[in-house]
Amino acid sequence: MKHNIYHLKSYYMEPLTASAIATLVFTKMLEKTIEKFTEATLAKIKVLRDKIWNKFRVNQEAVTAFVEAEKGSSTNLDKVAVYLQEIMKSDPNFAQEVEKLVGEIQQDIN
């Protein structure tokens, strides 16, 4: 039993993937979860969203995916995740900033 609990803990403590980050930023997820977010957590999510938006603005396809993902398009949410992953791989400083913010958000959520 301890092994299973340890496995669950390590699973939930791993860094979020680009797909999970995009989901965090662009979907309302579960309304009950959103209700539990503090204003500080929501502010961090907005900072994360704005940081991603600023990187995407140079690529029209990424901008289109971003805008459509905000409207609820799951197909475009997947595209946003791909663009985000590419940017994070090509820009280590940006990746580090995103990972730091995501870590703070994860701490707030847990």
Protein backbone atom coordinates (compact mmCIF):
# COMPACT_ATOMS: atom_id res chain seq x y z
CA MET A 1 0.00 0.00 0.00
CA LYS A 2 2.83 2.42 0.78
CA HIS A 3 4.20 1.93 -2.70
CA ASN A 4 0.89 3.00 -4.26
CA ILE A 5 0.64 6.10 -2.07
CA TYR A 6 4.24 7.03 -2.86
CA HIS A 7 3.57 6.51 -6.56
CA LEU A 8 0.56 8.84 -6.44
CA LYS A 9 2.54 11.50 -4.58
CA SER A 10 5.38 11.42 -7.08
CA TYR A 11 2.91 11.49 -9.97
CA TYR A 12 1.20 14.64 -8.74
CA MET A 13 4.44 16.39 -7.89
CA GLU A 14 6.01 16.03 -11.34
CA PRO A 15 6.23 19.20 -13.41
CA LEU A 16 3.31 19.90 -15.70
CA THR A 17 3.68 19.14 -19.38
CA ALA A 18 3.06 21.77 -22.06
CA SER A 19 -0.36 20.21 -22.60
CA ALA A 20 -1.23 20.49 -18.91
CA ILE A 21 0.03 24.08 -18.82
CA ALA A 22 -2.14 24.97 -21.82
CA THR A 23 -5.12 23.30 -20.17
CA LEU A 24 -4.48 25.23 -16.96
CA VAL A 25 -4.32 28.54 -18.81
CA PHE A 26 -7.11 28.08 -21.36
CA THR A 27 -9.83 25.97 -19.86
CA LYS A 28 -12.11 26.53 -16.97
CA MET A 29 -11.38 22.96 -15.88
CA LEU A 30 -13.85 22.02 -13.19
CA GLU A 31 -15.88 24.93 -11.88
CA LYS A 32 -15.45 23.69 -8.31
CA THR A 33 -11.69 23.73 -8.71
CA ILE A 34 -11.76 27.28 -10.06
CA GLU A 35 -13.88 28.37 -7.10
CA LYS A 36 -11.14 27.14 -4.76
CA PHE A 37 -8.44 29.21 -6.45
CA THR A 38 -7.42 32.25 -4.51
CA GLU A 39 -7.21 35.62 -6.19
CA ALA A 40 -3.42 35.29 -5.98
CA THR A 41 -3.54 31.98 -7.84
CA LEU A 42 -5.81 33.41 -10.53
CA ALA A 43 -3.42 36.37 -10.87
CA LYS A 44 -0.51 33.94 -11.40
CA ILE A 45 -2.51 32.08 -14.06
CA LYS A 46 -3.12 35.42 -15.81
CA VAL A 47 0.60 36.24 -15.66
CA LEU A 48 1.33 32.81 -17.15
CA ARG A 49 -1.28 33.37 -19.87
CA ASP A 50 0.15 36.78 -20.73
CA LYS A 51 3.70 35.41 -20.81
CA ILE A 52 2.64 32.70 -23.26
CA TRP A 53 0.64 35.19 -25.34
CA ASN A 54 3.66 37.48 -25.67
CA LYS A 55 5.73 34.58 -27.03
CA PHE A 56 2.99 33.48 -29.42
CA ARG A 57 2.38 36.93 -30.95
CA VAL A 58 5.19 36.50 -33.47
CA ASN A 59 3.53 33.43 -35.04
CA GLN A 60 0.12 34.00 -36.67
CA GLU A 61 -0.79 30.31 -36.53
CA ALA A 62 0.01 30.24 -32.82
CA VAL A 63 -2.06 33.41 -32.29
CA THR A 64 -5.03 31.83 -34.06
CA ALA A 65 -4.72 28.65 -31.98
CA PHE A 66 -4.39 30.74 -28.81
CA VAL A 67 -7.52 32.80 -29.55
CA GLU A 68 -9.56 29.73 -30.48
CA ALA A 69 -8.34 27.84 -27.40
CA GLU A 70 -9.60 30.70 -25.25
CA LYS A 71 -12.99 30.21 -26.91
CA GLY A 72 -12.97 26.55 -25.84
CA SER A 73 -11.61 24.76 -28.91
CA SER A 74 -9.98 21.53 -27.75
CA THR A 75 -8.31 21.05 -31.14
CA ASN A 76 -6.65 24.43 -30.83
CA LEU A 77 -5.78 23.74 -27.21
CA ASP A 78 -3.74 20.79 -28.48
CA LYS A 79 -2.06 23.10 -31.03
CA VAL A 80 -1.26 25.60 -28.28
CA ALA A 81 0.40 22.80 -26.31
CA VAL A 82 2.56 21.90 -29.32
CA TYR A 83 3.57 25.53 -29.92
CA LEU A 84 4.27 25.99 -26.22
CA GLN A 85 6.44 22.88 -26.10
CA GLU A 86 8.43 24.08 -29.14
CA ILE A 87 8.98 27.52 -27.62
CA MET A 88 10.00 26.07 -24.26
CA LYS A 89 12.55 23.82 -25.97
CA SER A 90 14.01 26.67 -28.02
CA ASP A 91 14.04 29.29 -25.24
CA PRO A 92 15.40 27.91 -21.95
CA ASN A 93 14.91 31.24 -20.14
CA PHE A 94 11.24 31.32 -21.10
CA ALA A 95 10.89 27.66 -20.11
CA GLN A 96 12.41 28.41 -16.72
CA GLU A 97 10.04 31.36 -16.15
CA VAL A 98 7.04 29.24 -17.12
CA GLU A 99 8.14 26.33 -14.93
CA LYS A 100 8.63 28.69 -11.97
CA LEU A 101 5.13 30.13 -12.36
CA VAL A 102 3.63 26.68 -12.83
CA GLY A 103 5.40 25.48 -9.69
CA GLU A 104 3.92 28.37 -7.72
CA ILE A 105 0.46 27.63 -9.13
CA GLN A 106 0.82 23.94 -8.29
CA GLN A 107 1.74 24.84 -4.70
CA ASP A 108 -1.31 27.07 -4.45
CA ILE A 109 -3.59 24.35 -5.83
CA ASN A 110 -2.22 21.60 -3.60
